[in-house]
Amino acid sequence: RPIFSYAKKRSSDLPDVPLATELTTGKDQELASDYIALLELGRLVAAPPGVPDERLQVLRDALVQSLQDPDFLDQAKKAKQGISNITPDEISALVNQSLQMPDDLKKLMAAANAG
């Protein structure tokens, strides 16, 4: 039975499971929020800096189309893989949040991930 979730919003599958950011305050809440940003970026699809705007739009449109393809969604469901799409602005915000994380939180996360 899950006691909390590391996510930006509550799951529709588990609406009564609170978010880590709802159960924490201060530095702990900041850590939870930054960790969630890193988790969100873990499944990121991105292009390198300097890609011309028209090419970037073609790539974005193709990605959106693939995330709406019924066959793709059916295969993801069979594999029990959730599919979600966040906007380019949301991705930028997550990247900026991750880059601005205080050094003490970076060290704490590095130690936690190292085991």
PDB file of N, CA and C in Angstrom:
ATOM      1  N   ARG A   1       0.841  -1.172   0.000  1.00  0.00           N
ATOM      2  CA  ARG A   1       0.000   0.000   0.000  1.00  0.00           C
ATOM      3  C   ARG A   1       0.894   1.246   0.000  1.00  0.00           C
ATOM      4  N   PRO A   2       0.776   2.063  -1.035  1.00  0.00           N
ATOM      5  CA  PRO A   2       1.611   3.271  -1.102  1.00  0.00           C
ATOM      6  C   PRO A   2       1.238   4.266  -0.005  1.00  0.00           C
ATOM      7  N   ILE A   3       2.257   4.870   0.600  1.00  0.00           N
ATOM      8  CA  ILE A   3       1.978   5.852   1.646  1.00  0.00           C
ATOM      9  C   ILE A   3       2.154   7.280   1.146  1.00  0.00           C
ATOM     10  N   PHE A   4       2.940   7.473   0.071  1.00  0.00           N
ATOM     11  CA  PHE A   4       3.043   8.767  -0.587  1.00  0.00           C
ATOM     12  C   PHE A   4       3.620   8.556  -1.972  1.00  0.00           C
ATOM     13  N   SER A   5       3.563   9.608  -2.780  1.00  0.00           N
ATOM     14  CA  SER A   5       4.018   9.511  -4.159  1.00  0.00           C
ATOM     15  C   SER A   5       4.980  10.643  -4.485  1.00  0.00           C
ATOM     16  N   TYR A   6       6.056  10.307  -5.183  1.00  0.00           N
ATOM     17  CA  TYR A   6       6.954  11.328  -5.728  1.00  0.00           C
ATOM     18  C   TYR A   6       6.433  11.675  -7.114  1.00  0.00           C
ATOM     19  N   ALA A   7       5.574  12.678  -7.193  1.00  0.00           N
ATOM     20  CA  ALA A   7       4.993  13.123  -8.456  1.00  0.00           C
ATOM     21  C   ALA A   7       4.552  14.570  -8.316  1.00  0.00           C
ATOM     22  N   LYS A   8       4.321  15.213  -9.472  1.00  0.00           N
ATOM     23  CA  LYS A   8       3.873  16.607  -9.447  1.00  0.00           C
ATOM     24  C   LYS A   8       2.395  16.722  -9.110  1.00  0.00           C
ATOM     25  N   LYS A   9       1.620  15.694  -9.483  1.00  0.00           N
ATOM     26  CA  LYS A   9       0.197  15.720  -9.169  1.00  0.00           C
ATOM     27  C   LYS A   9      -0.262  14.314  -8.797  1.00  0.00           C
ATOM     28  N   ARG A  10      -1.355  14.249  -8.080  1.00  0.00           N
ATOM     29  CA  ARG A  10      -1.865  12.954  -7.635  1.00  0.00           C
ATOM     30  C   ARG A  10      -2.284  12.086  -8.820  1.00  0.00           C
ATOM     31  N   SER A  11      -2.088  10.808  -8.671  1.00  0.00           N
ATOM     32  CA  SER A  11      -2.454   9.851  -9.700  1.00  0.00           C
ATOM     33  C   SER A  11      -3.957   9.629  -9.694  1.00  0.00           C
ATOM     34  N   SER A  12      -4.542   9.562 -10.883  1.00  0.00           N
ATOM     35  CA  SER A  12      -5.974   9.256 -10.963  1.00  0.00           C
ATOM     36  C   SER A  12      -6.238   7.814 -10.520  1.00  0.00           C
ATOM     37  N   ASP A  13      -5.201   6.963 -10.601  1.00  0.00           N
ATOM     38  CA  ASP A  13      -5.341   5.578 -10.146  1.00  0.00           C
ATOM     39  C   ASP A  13      -5.280   5.465  -8.627  1.00  0.00           C
ATOM     40  N   LEU A  14      -4.598   6.413  -7.980  1.00  0.00           N
ATOM     41  CA  LEU A  14      -4.432   6.396  -6.521  1.00  0.00           C
ATOM     42  C   LEU A  14      -4.721   7.797  -5.952  1.00  0.00           C
ATOM     43  N   PRO A  15      -5.950   8.260  -6.096  1.00  0.00           N
ATOM     44  CA  PRO A  15      -6.245   9.644  -5.709  1.00  0.00           C
ATOM     45  C   PRO A  15      -6.102   9.944  -4.223  1.00  0.00           C
ATOM     46  N   ASP A  16      -6.129   8.929  -3.378  1.00  0.00           N
ATOM     47  CA  ASP A  16      -6.016   9.139  -1.936  1.00  0.00           C
ATOM     48  C   ASP A  16      -4.578   9.078  -1.431  1.00  0.00           C
ATOM     49  N   VAL A  17      -3.639   8.794  -2.310  1.00  0.00           N
ATOM     50  CA  VAL A  17      -2.235   8.732  -1.921  1.00  0.00           C
ATOM     51  C   VAL A  17      -1.651  10.142  -2.026  1.00  0.00           C
ATOM     52  N   PRO A  18      -1.201  10.709  -0.903  1.00  0.00           N
ATOM     53  CA  PRO A  18      -0.684  12.075  -0.923  1.00  0.00           C
ATOM     54  C   PRO A  18       0.663  12.176  -1.632  1.00  0.00           C
ATOM     55  N   LEU A  19       0.969  13.376  -2.068  1.00  0.00           N
ATOM     56  CA  LEU A  19       2.261  13.657  -2.685  1.00  0.00           C
ATOM     57  C   LEU A  19       3.296  13.923  -1.604  1.00  0.00           C
ATOM     58  N   ALA A  20       4.538  13.626  -1.902  1.00  0.00           N
ATOM     59  CA  ALA A  20       5.623  13.894  -0.952  1.00  0.00           C
ATOM     60  C   ALA A  20       5.662  15.378  -0.588  1.00  0.00           C
ATOM     61  N   THR A  21       5.348  16.233  -1.550  1.00  0.00           N
ATOM     62  CA  THR A  21       5.371  17.669  -1.287  1.00  0.00           C
ATOM     63  C   THR A  21       4.208  18.119  -0.405  1.00  0.00           C
ATOM     64  N   GLU A  22       3.186  17.307  -0.284  1.00  0.00           N
ATOM     65  CA  GLU A  22       2.062  17.623   0.606  1.00  0.00           C
ATOM     66  C   GLU A  22       2.364  17.225   2.049  1.00  0.00           C
ATOM     67  N   LEU A  23       3.338  16.354   2.221  1.00  0.00           N
ATOM     68  CA  LEU A  23       3.651  15.832   3.554  1.00  0.00           C
ATOM     69  C   LEU A  23       4.891  16.475   4.164  1.00  0.00           C
ATOM     70  N   THR A  24       5.504  17.388   3.435  1.00  0.00           N
ATOM     71  CA  THR A  24       6.747  17.980   3.889  1.00  0.00           C
ATOM     72  C   THR A  24       6.649  19.501   3.906  1.00  0.00           C
ATOM     73  N   THR A  25       7.605  20.110   4.589  1.00  0.00           N
ATOM     74  CA  THR A  25       7.689  21.569   4.619  1.00  0.00           C
ATOM     75  C   THR A  25       9.156  21.972   4.540  1.00  0.00           C
ATOM     76  N   GLY A  26       9.374  23.247   4.288  1.00  0.00           N
ATOM     77  CA  GLY A  26      10.723  23.796   4.312  1.00  0.00           C
ATOM     78  C   GLY A  26      11.692  23.086   3.401  1.00  0.00           C
ATOM     79  N   LYS A  27      12.880  22.791   3.939  1.00  0.00           N
ATOM     80  CA  LYS A  27      13.956  22.170   3.171  1.00  0.00           C
ATOM     81  C   LYS A  27      13.557  20.785   2.651  1.00  0.00           C
ATOM     82  N   ASP A  28      12.789  20.041   3.447  1.00  0.00           N
ATOM     83  CA  ASP A  28      12.346  18.717   3.010  1.00  0.00           C
ATOM     84  C   ASP A  28      11.414  18.819   1.806  1.00  0.00           C
ATOM     85  N   GLN A  29      10.558  19.826   1.814  1.00  0.00           N
ATOM     86  CA  GLN A  29       9.646  20.012   0.686  1.00  0.00           C
ATOM     87  C   GLN A  29      10.424  20.436  -0.566  1.00  0.00           C
ATOM     88  N   GLU A  30      11.434  21.271  -0.374  1.00  0.00           N
ATOM     89  CA  GLU A  30      12.290  21.690  -1.483  1.00  0.00           C
ATOM     90  C   GLU A  30      13.021  20.486  -2.077  1.00  0.00           C
ATOM     91  N   LEU A  31      13.535  19.626  -1.213  1.00  0.00           N
ATOM     92  CA  LEU A  31      14.211  18.415  -1.665  1.00  0.00           C
ATOM     93  C   LEU A  31      13.257  17.524  -2.448  1.00  0.00           C
ATOM     94  N   ALA A  32      12.057  17.310  -1.909  1.00  0.00           N
ATOM     95  CA  ALA A  32      11.062  16.477  -2.592  1.00  0.00           C
ATOM     96  C   ALA A  32      10.716  17.061  -3.959  1.00  0.00           C
ATOM     97  N   SER A  33      10.518  18.366  -4.023  1.00  0.00           N
ATOM     98  CA  SER A  33      10.171  19.033  -5.278  1.00  0.00           C
ATOM     99  C   SER A  33      11.291  18.905  -6.304  1.00  0.00           C
ATOM    100  N   ASP A  34      12.534  19.098  -5.866  1.00  0.00           N
ATOM    101  CA  ASP A  34      13.665  18.970  -6.780  1.00  0.00           C
ATOM    102  C   ASP A  34      13.849  17.524  -7.241  1.00  0.00           C
ATOM    103  N   TYR A  35      13.634  16.586  -6.359  1.00  0.00           N
ATOM    104  CA  TYR A  35      13.747  15.169  -6.725  1.00  0.00           C
ATOM    105  C   TYR A  35      12.677  14.808  -7.755  1.00  0.00           C
ATOM    106  N   ILE A  36      11.473  15.318  -7.553  1.00  0.00           N
ATOM    107  CA  ILE A  36      10.388  15.068  -8.511  1.00  0.00           C
ATOM    108  C   ILE A  36      10.736  15.647  -9.872  1.00  0.00           C
ATOM    109  N   ALA A  37      11.337  16.849  -9.891  1.00  0.00           N
ATOM    110  CA  ALA A  37      11.760  17.454 -11.165  1.00  0.00           C
ATOM    111  C   ALA A  37      12.749  16.549 -11.882  1.00  0.00           C
ATOM    112  N   LEU A  38      13.701  15.984 -11.144  1.00  0.00           N
ATOM    113  CA  LEU A  38      14.663  15.066 -11.762  1.00  0.00           C
ATOM    114  C   LEU A  38      13.984  13.805 -12.287  1.00  0.00           C
ATOM    115  N   LEU A  39      13.015  13.290 -11.529  1.00  0.00           N
ATOM    116  CA  LEU A  39      12.290  12.111 -11.989  1.00  0.00           C
ATOM    117  C   LEU A  39      11.519  12.408 -13.273  1.00  0.00           C
ATOM    118  N   GLU A  40      10.906  13.572 -13.332  1.00  0.00           N
ATOM    119  CA  GLU A  40      10.164  13.966 -14.529  1.00  0.00           C
ATOM    120  C   GLU A  40      11.094  14.069 -15.733  1.00  0.00           C
ATOM    121  N   LEU A  41      12.300  14.549 -15.517  1.00  0.00           N
ATOM    122  CA  LEU A  41      13.260  14.689 -16.610  1.00  0.00           C
ATOM    123  C   LEU A  41      13.841  13.350 -17.042  1.00  0.00           C
ATOM    124  N   GLY A  42      13.687  12.342 -16.227  1.00  0.00           N
ATOM    125  CA  GLY A  42      14.239  11.032 -16.531  1.00  0.00           C
ATOM    126  C   GLY A  42      13.680  10.400 -17.785  1.00  0.00           C
ATOM    127  N   ARG A  43      12.504  10.845 -18.207  1.00  0.00           N
ATOM    128  CA  ARG A  43      11.889  10.293 -19.415  1.00  0.00           C
ATOM    129  C   ARG A  43      11.753  11.375 -20.482  1.00  0.00           C
ATOM    130  N   LEU A  44      12.644  12.307 -20.450  1.00  0.00           N
ATOM    131  CA  LEU A  44      12.608  13.481 -21.306  1.00  0.00           C
ATOM    132  C   LEU A  44      13.041  13.155 -22.734  1.00  0.00           C
ATOM    133  N   VAL A  45      12.397  13.780 -23.679  1.00  0.00           N
ATOM    134  CA  VAL A  45      12.829  13.768 -25.067  1.00  0.00           C
ATOM    135  C   VAL A  45      13.189  15.204 -25.397  1.00  0.00           C
ATOM    136  N   ALA A  46      14.420  15.425 -25.815  1.00  0.00           N
ATOM    137  CA  ALA A  46      14.874  16.796 -26.063  1.00  0.00           C
ATOM    138  C   ALA A  46      15.797  16.850 -27.273  1.00  0.00           C
ATOM    139  N   ALA A  47      15.915  18.042 -27.821  1.00  0.00           N
ATOM    140  CA  ALA A  47      16.847  18.306 -28.918  1.00  0.00           C
ATOM    141  C   ALA A  47      17.957  19.198 -28.376  1.00  0.00           C
ATOM    142  N   PRO A  48      19.104  19.191 -29.023  1.00  0.00           N
ATOM    143  CA  PRO A  48      20.209  20.026 -28.539  1.00  0.00           C
ATOM    144  C   PRO A  48      19.933  21.508 -28.781  1.00  0.00           C
ATOM    145  N   PRO A  49      20.630  22.361 -28.060  1.00  0.00           N
ATOM    146  CA  PRO A  49      20.474  23.795 -28.287  1.00  0.00           C
ATOM    147  C   PRO A  49      20.821  24.167 -29.726  1.00  0.00           C
ATOM    148  N   GLY A  50      20.166  25.203 -30.231  1.00  0.00           N
ATOM    149  CA  GLY A  50      20.494  25.714 -31.557  1.00  0.00           C
ATOM    150  C   GLY A  50      19.725  25.093 -32.704  1.00  0.00           C
ATOM    151  N   VAL A  51      18.810  24.165 -32.414  1.00  0.00           N
ATOM    152  CA  VAL A  51      18.011  23.586 -33.497  1.00  0.00           C
ATOM    153  C   VAL A  51      17.091  24.689 -34.027  1.00  0.00           C
ATOM    154  N   PRO A  52      17.066  24.906 -35.349  1.00  0.00           N
ATOM    155  CA  PRO A  52      16.193  25.946 -35.900  1.00  0.00           C
ATOM    156  C   PRO A  52      14.727  25.729 -35.496  1.00  0.00           C
ATOM    157  N   ASP A  53      14.028  26.831 -35.279  1.00  0.00           N
ATOM    158  CA  ASP A  53      12.644  26.774 -34.800  1.00  0.00           C
ATOM    159  C   ASP A  53      11.740  25.897 -35.665  1.00  0.00           C
ATOM    160  N   GLU A  54      11.884  25.997 -36.998  1.00  0.00           N
ATOM    161  CA  GLU A  54      11.000  25.206 -37.870  1.00  0.00           C
ATOM    162  C   GLU A  54      11.265  23.707 -37.724  1.00  0.00           C
ATOM    163  N   ARG A  55      12.512  23.310 -37.550  1.00  0.00           N
ATOM    164  CA  ARG A  55      12.839  21.892 -37.335  1.00  0.00           C
ATOM    165  C   ARG A  55      12.340  21.428 -35.970  1.00  0.00           C
ATOM    166  N   LEU A  56      12.504  22.291 -34.979  1.00  0.00           N
ATOM    167  CA  LEU A  56      12.031  21.961 -33.643  1.00  0.00           C
ATOM    168  C   LEU A  56      10.525  21.735 -33.650  1.00  0.00           C
ATOM    169  N   GLN A  57       9.791  22.561 -34.383  1.00  0.00           N
ATOM    170  CA  GLN A  57       8.340  22.406 -34.455  1.00  0.00           C
ATOM    171  C   GLN A  57       7.963  21.097 -35.138  1.00  0.00           C
ATOM    172  N   VAL A  58       8.691  20.707 -36.184  1.00  0.00           N
ATOM    173  CA  VAL A  58       8.426  19.426 -36.860  1.00  0.00           C
ATOM    174  C   VAL A  58       8.636  18.273 -35.878  1.00  0.00           C
ATOM    175  N   LEU A  59       9.721  18.347 -35.101  1.00  0.00           N
ATOM    176  CA  LEU A  59       9.991  17.306 -34.113  1.00  0.00           C
ATOM    177  C   LEU A  59       8.901  17.256 -33.039  1.00  0.00           C
ATOM    178  N   ARG A  60       8.486  18.425 -32.549  1.00  0.00           N
ATOM    179  CA  ARG A  60       7.431  18.481 -31.527  1.00  0.00           C
ATOM    180  C   ARG A  60       6.128  17.913 -32.063  1.00  0.00           C
ATOM    181  N   ASP A  61       5.771  18.292 -33.290  1.00  0.00           N
ATOM    182  CA  ASP A  61       4.524  17.788 -33.888  1.00  0.00           C
ATOM    183  C   ASP A  61       4.563  16.269 -34.055  1.00  0.00           C
ATOM    184  N   ALA A  62       5.716  15.751 -34.488  1.00  0.00           N
ATOM    185  CA  ALA A  62       5.850  14.301 -34.672  1.00  0.00           C
ATOM    186  C   ALA A  62       5.731  13.574 -33.333  1.00  0.00           C
ATOM    187  N   LEU A  63       6.314  14.135 -32.294  1.00  0.00           N
ATOM    188  CA  LEU A  63       6.233  13.515 -30.980  1.00  0.00           C
ATOM    189  C   LEU A  63       4.794  13.508 -30.466  1.00  0.00           C
ATOM    190  N   VAL A  64       4.112  14.630 -30.613  1.00  0.00           N
ATOM    191  CA  VAL A  64       2.712  14.704 -30.174  1.00  0.00           C
ATOM    192  C   VAL A  64       1.869  13.690 -30.932  1.00  0.00           C
ATOM    193  N   GLN A  65       2.080  13.592 -32.243  1.00  0.00           N
ATOM    194  CA  GLN A  65       1.324  12.606 -33.036  1.00  0.00           C
ATOM    195  C   GLN A  65       1.601  11.186 -32.563  1.00  0.00           C
ATOM    196  N   SER A  66       2.862  10.886 -32.281  1.00  0.00           N
ATOM    197  CA  SER A  66       3.187   9.517 -31.838  1.00  0.00           C
ATOM    198  C   SER A  66       2.557   9.215 -30.482  1.00  0.00           C
ATOM    199  N   LEU A  67       2.471  10.232 -29.604  1.00  0.00           N
ATOM    200  CA  LEU A  67       1.874  10.025 -28.283  1.00  0.00           C
ATOM    201  C   LEU A  67       0.361   9.921 -28.334  1.00  0.00           C
ATOM    202  N   GLN A  68      -0.221  10.181 -29.490  1.00  0.00           N
ATOM    203  CA  GLN A  68      -1.664  10.049 -29.661  1.00  0.00           C
ATOM    204  C   GLN A  68      -2.036   8.856 -30.541  1.00  0.00           C
ATOM    205  N   ASP A  69      -1.038   8.158 -31.052  1.00  0.00           N
ATOM    206  CA  ASP A  69      -1.278   7.028 -31.941  1.00  0.00           C
ATOM    207  C   ASP A  69      -1.923   5.885 -31.174  1.00  0.00           C
ATOM    208  N   PRO A  70      -3.102   5.414 -31.612  1.00  0.00           N
ATOM    209  CA  PRO A  70      -3.810   4.348 -30.887  1.00  0.00           C
ATOM    210  C   PRO A  70      -2.996   3.062 -30.734  1.00  0.00           C
ATOM    211  N   ASP A  71      -2.256   2.667 -31.772  1.00  0.00           N
ATOM    212  CA  ASP A  71      -1.450   1.439 -31.681  1.00  0.00           C
ATOM    213  C   ASP A  71      -0.337   1.598 -30.645  1.00  0.00           C
ATOM    214  N   PHE A  72       0.316   2.753 -30.651  1.00  0.00           N
ATOM    215  CA  PHE A  72       1.368   3.023 -29.674  1.00  0.00           C
ATOM    216  C   PHE A  72       0.798   3.005 -28.264  1.00  0.00           C
ATOM    217  N   LEU A  73      -0.320   3.685 -28.061  1.00  0.00           N
ATOM    218  CA  LEU A  73      -0.940   3.733 -26.736  1.00  0.00           C
ATOM    219  C   LEU A  73      -1.378   2.348 -26.272  1.00  0.00           C
ATOM    220  N   ASP A  74      -1.869   1.532 -27.205  1.00  0.00           N
ATOM    221  CA  ASP A  74      -2.275   0.171 -26.858  1.00  0.00           C
ATOM    222  C   ASP A  74      -1.073  -0.661 -26.428  1.00  0.00           C
ATOM    223  N   GLN A  75       0.027  -0.538 -27.151  1.00  0.00           N
ATOM    224  CA  GLN A  75       1.242  -1.264 -26.783  1.00  0.00           C
ATOM    225  C   GLN A  75       1.768  -0.801 -25.421  1.00  0.00           C
ATOM    226  N   ALA A  76       1.711   0.494 -25.170  1.00  0.00           N
ATOM    227  CA  ALA A  76       2.164   1.025 -23.882  1.00  0.00           C
ATOM    228  C   ALA A  76       1.280   0.494 -22.754  1.00  0.00           C
ATOM    229  N   LYS A  77      -0.002   0.423 -23.000  1.00  0.00           N
ATOM    230  CA  LYS A  77      -0.931  -0.086 -21.985  1.00  0.00           C
ATOM    231  C   LYS A  77      -0.633  -1.553 -21.688  1.00  0.00           C
ATOM    232  N   LYS A  78      -0.408  -2.340 -22.730  1.00  0.00           N
ATOM    233  CA  LYS A  78      -0.088  -3.752 -22.545  1.00  0.00           C
ATOM    234  C   LYS A  78       1.215  -3.930 -21.759  1.00  0.00           C
ATOM    235  N   ALA A  79       2.142  -3.014 -21.976  1.00  0.00           N
ATOM    236  CA  ALA A  79       3.429  -3.067 -21.275  1.00  0.00           C
ATOM    237  C   ALA A  79       3.346  -2.400 -19.898  1.00  0.00           C
ATOM    238  N   LYS A  80       2.157  -1.928 -19.546  1.00  0.00           N
ATOM    239  CA  LYS A  80       1.924  -1.236 -18.269  1.00  0.00           C
ATOM    240  C   LYS A  80       2.838  -0.023 -18.109  1.00  0.00           C
ATOM    241  N   GLN A  81       2.991   0.721 -19.200  1.00  0.00           N
ATOM    242  CA  GLN A  81       3.790   1.943 -19.214  1.00  0.00           C
ATOM    243  C   GLN A  81       2.863   3.136 -19.379  1.00  0.00           C
ATOM    244  N   GLY A  82       2.869   4.007 -18.405  1.00  0.00           N
ATOM    245  CA  GLY A  82       2.060   5.217 -18.504  1.00  0.00           C
ATOM    246  C   GLY A  82       2.673   6.180 -19.496  1.00  0.00           C
ATOM    247  N   ILE A  83       1.836   6.821 -20.259  1.00  0.00           N
ATOM    248  CA  ILE A  83       2.284   7.792 -21.249  1.00  0.00           C
ATOM    249  C   ILE A  83       1.701   9.145 -20.879  1.00  0.00           C
ATOM    250  N   SER A  84       2.569  10.131 -20.770  1.00  0.00           N
ATOM    251  CA  SER A  84       2.098  11.494 -20.524  1.00  0.00           C
ATOM    252  C   SER A  84       2.953  12.450 -21.334  1.00  0.00           C
ATOM    253  N   ASN A  85       2.412  13.582 -21.623  1.00  0.00           N
ATOM    254  CA  ASN A  85       3.121  14.571 -22.416  1.00  0.00           C
ATOM    255  C   ASN A  85       3.099  15.889 -21.663  1.00  0.00           C
ATOM    256  N   ILE A  86       4.260  16.486 -21.509  1.00  0.00           N
ATOM    257  CA  ILE A  86       4.318  17.806 -20.897  1.00  0.00           C
ATOM    258  C   ILE A  86       4.774  18.803 -21.947  1.00  0.00           C
ATOM    259  N   THR A  87       4.405  20.036 -21.764  1.00  0.00           N
ATOM    260  CA  THR A  87       4.692  21.068 -22.747  1.00  0.00           C
ATOM    261  C   THR A  87       6.167  21.479 -22.715  1.00  0.00           C
ATOM    262  N   PRO A  88       6.634  22.097 -23.797  1.00  0.00           N
ATOM    263  CA  PRO A  88       8.008  22.602 -23.789  1.00  0.00           C
ATOM    264  C   PRO A  88       8.262  23.586 -22.642  1.00  0.00           C
ATOM    265  N   ASP A  89       7.273  24.398 -22.305  1.00  0.00           N
ATOM    266  CA  ASP A  89       7.439  25.333 -21.188  1.00  0.00           C
ATOM    267  C   ASP A  89       7.600  24.592 -19.866  1.00  0.00           C
ATOM    268  N   GLU A  90       6.856  23.498 -19.692  1.00  0.00           N
ATOM    269  CA  GLU A  90       6.983  22.695 -18.471  1.00  0.00           C
ATOM    270  C   GLU A  90       8.362  22.038 -18.401  1.00  0.00           C
ATOM    271  N   ILE A  91       8.854  21.579 -19.536  1.00  0.00           N
ATOM    272  CA  ILE A  91      10.194  20.985 -19.577  1.00  0.00           C
ATOM    273  C   ILE A  91      11.239  22.025 -19.207  1.00  0.00           C
ATOM    274  N   SER A  92      11.130  23.217 -19.763  1.00  0.00           N
ATOM    275  CA  SER A  92      12.076  24.289 -19.447  1.00  0.00           C
ATOM    276  C   SER A  92      12.069  24.606 -17.957  1.00  0.00           C
ATOM    277  N   ALA A  93      10.878  24.653 -17.372  1.00  0.00           N
ATOM    278  CA  ALA A  93      10.771  24.939 -15.939  1.00  0.00           C
ATOM    279  C   ALA A  93      11.448  23.842 -15.114  1.00  0.00           C
ATOM    280  N   LEU A  94      11.256  22.577 -15.504  1.00  0.00           N
ATOM    281  CA  LEU A  94      11.881  21.470 -14.783  1.00  0.00           C
ATOM    282  C   LEU A  94      13.404  21.511 -14.909  1.00  0.00           C
ATOM    283  N   VAL A  95      13.886  21.792 -16.108  1.00  0.00           N
ATOM    284  CA  VAL A  95      15.338  21.884 -16.315  1.00  0.00           C
ATOM    285  C   VAL A  95      15.903  23.017 -15.476  1.00  0.00           C
ATOM    286  N   ASN A  96      15.256  24.175 -15.516  1.00  0.00           N
ATOM    287  CA  ASN A  96      15.734  25.321 -14.729  1.00  0.00           C
ATOM    288  C   ASN A  96      15.705  25.016 -13.241  1.00  0.00           C
ATOM    289  N   GLN A  97      14.656  24.354 -12.772  1.00  0.00           N
ATOM    290  CA  GLN A  97      14.584  23.988 -11.358  1.00  0.00           C
ATOM    291  C   GLN A  97      15.744  23.072 -10.992  1.00  0.00           C
ATOM    292  N   SER A  98      16.021  22.107 -11.833  1.00  0.00           N
ATOM    293  CA  SER A  98      17.105  21.165 -11.564  1.00  0.00           C
ATOM    294  C   SER A  98      18.466  21.858 -11.564  1.00  0.00           C
ATOM    295  N   LEU A  99      18.655  22.797 -12.474  1.00  0.00           N
ATOM    296  CA  LEU A  99      19.937  23.498 -12.562  1.00  0.00           C
ATOM    297  C   LEU A  99      20.145  24.463 -11.398  1.00  0.00           C
ATOM    298  N   GLN A 100      19.071  24.939 -10.799  1.00  0.00           N
ATOM    299  CA  GLN A 100      19.169  25.901  -9.712  1.00  0.00           C
ATOM    300  C   GLN A 100      19.110  25.252  -8.328  1.00  0.00           C
ATOM    301  N   MET A 101      19.128  23.947  -8.287  1.00  0.00           N
ATOM    302  CA  MET A 101      19.064  23.240  -7.016  1.00  0.00           C
ATOM    303  C   MET A 101      20.272  23.623  -6.156  1.00  0.00           C
ATOM    304  N   PRO A 102      20.039  23.929  -4.882  1.00  0.00           N
ATOM    305  CA  PRO A 102      21.155  24.277  -3.994  1.00  0.00           C
ATOM    306  C   PRO A 102      22.159  23.127  -3.878  1.00  0.00           C
ATOM    307  N   ASP A 103      23.419  23.485  -3.676  1.00  0.00           N
ATOM    308  CA  ASP A 103      24.493  22.488  -3.600  1.00  0.00           C
ATOM    309  C   ASP A 103      24.251  21.440  -2.514  1.00  0.00           C
ATOM    310  N   ASP A 104      23.703  21.860  -1.359  1.00  0.00           N
ATOM    311  CA  ASP A 104      23.489  20.880  -0.294  1.00  0.00           C
ATOM    312  C   ASP A 104      22.453  19.835  -0.706  1.00  0.00           C
ATOM    313  N   LEU A 105      21.453  20.239  -1.496  1.00  0.00           N
ATOM    314  CA  LEU A 105      20.474  19.266  -1.978  1.00  0.00           C
ATOM    315  C   LEU A 105      21.089  18.363  -3.046  1.00  0.00           C
ATOM    316  N   LYS A 106      21.946  18.915  -3.889  1.00  0.00           N
ATOM    317  CA  LYS A 106      22.626  18.089  -4.886  1.00  0.00           C
ATOM    318  C   LYS A 106      23.457  17.003  -4.211  1.00  0.00           C
ATOM    319  N   LYS A 107      24.189  17.384  -3.161  1.00  0.00           N
ATOM    320  CA  LYS A 107      25.018  16.426  -2.441  1.00  0.00           C
ATOM    321  C   LYS A 107      24.171  15.359  -1.761  1.00  0.00           C
ATOM    322  N   LEU A 108      23.066  15.777  -1.166  1.00  0.00           N
ATOM    323  CA  LEU A 108      22.177  14.831  -0.505  1.00  0.00           C
ATOM    324  C   LEU A 108      21.583  13.842  -1.504  1.00  0.00           C
ATOM    325  N   MET A 109      21.161  14.323  -2.662  1.00  0.00           N
ATOM    326  CA  MET A 109      20.609  13.433  -3.685  1.00  0.00           C
ATOM    327  C   MET A 109      21.676  12.501  -4.237  1.00  0.00           C
ATOM    328  N   ALA A 110      22.869  13.018  -4.451  1.00  0.00           N
ATOM    329  CA  ALA A 110      23.951  12.172  -4.944  1.00  0.00           C
ATOM    330  C   ALA A 110      24.247  11.048  -3.967  1.00  0.00           C
ATOM    331  N   ALA A 111      24.272  11.377  -2.680  1.00  0.00           N
ATOM    332  CA  ALA A 111      24.532  10.358  -1.665  1.00  0.00           C
ATOM    333  C   ALA A 111      23.401   9.335  -1.608  1.00  0.00           C
ATOM    334  N   ALA A 112      22.164   9.808  -1.723  1.00  0.00           N
ATOM    335  CA  ALA A 112      21.016   8.897  -1.677  1.00  0.00           C
ATOM    336  C   ALA A 112      21.014   7.974  -2.887  1.00  0.00           C
ATOM    337  N   ASN A 113      21.365   8.492  -4.051  1.00  0.00           N
ATOM    338  CA  ASN A 113      21.375   7.668  -5.257  1.00  0.00           C
ATOM    339  C   ASN A 113      22.555   6.707  -5.281  1.00  0.00           C
ATOM    340  N   ALA A 114      23.603   7.048  -4.559  1.00  0.00           N
ATOM    341  CA  ALA A 114      24.776   6.165  -4.506  1.00  0.00           C
ATOM    342  C   ALA A 114      24.540   4.973  -3.579  1.00  0.00           C
ATOM    343  N   GLY A 115      23.476   5.054  -2.777  1.00  0.00           N
ATOM    344  CA  GLY A 115      23.137   3.942  -1.897  1.00  0.00           C
ATOM    345  C   GLY A 115      23.696   4.154  -0.539  1.00  0.00           C
TER     346      GLY A 115
END
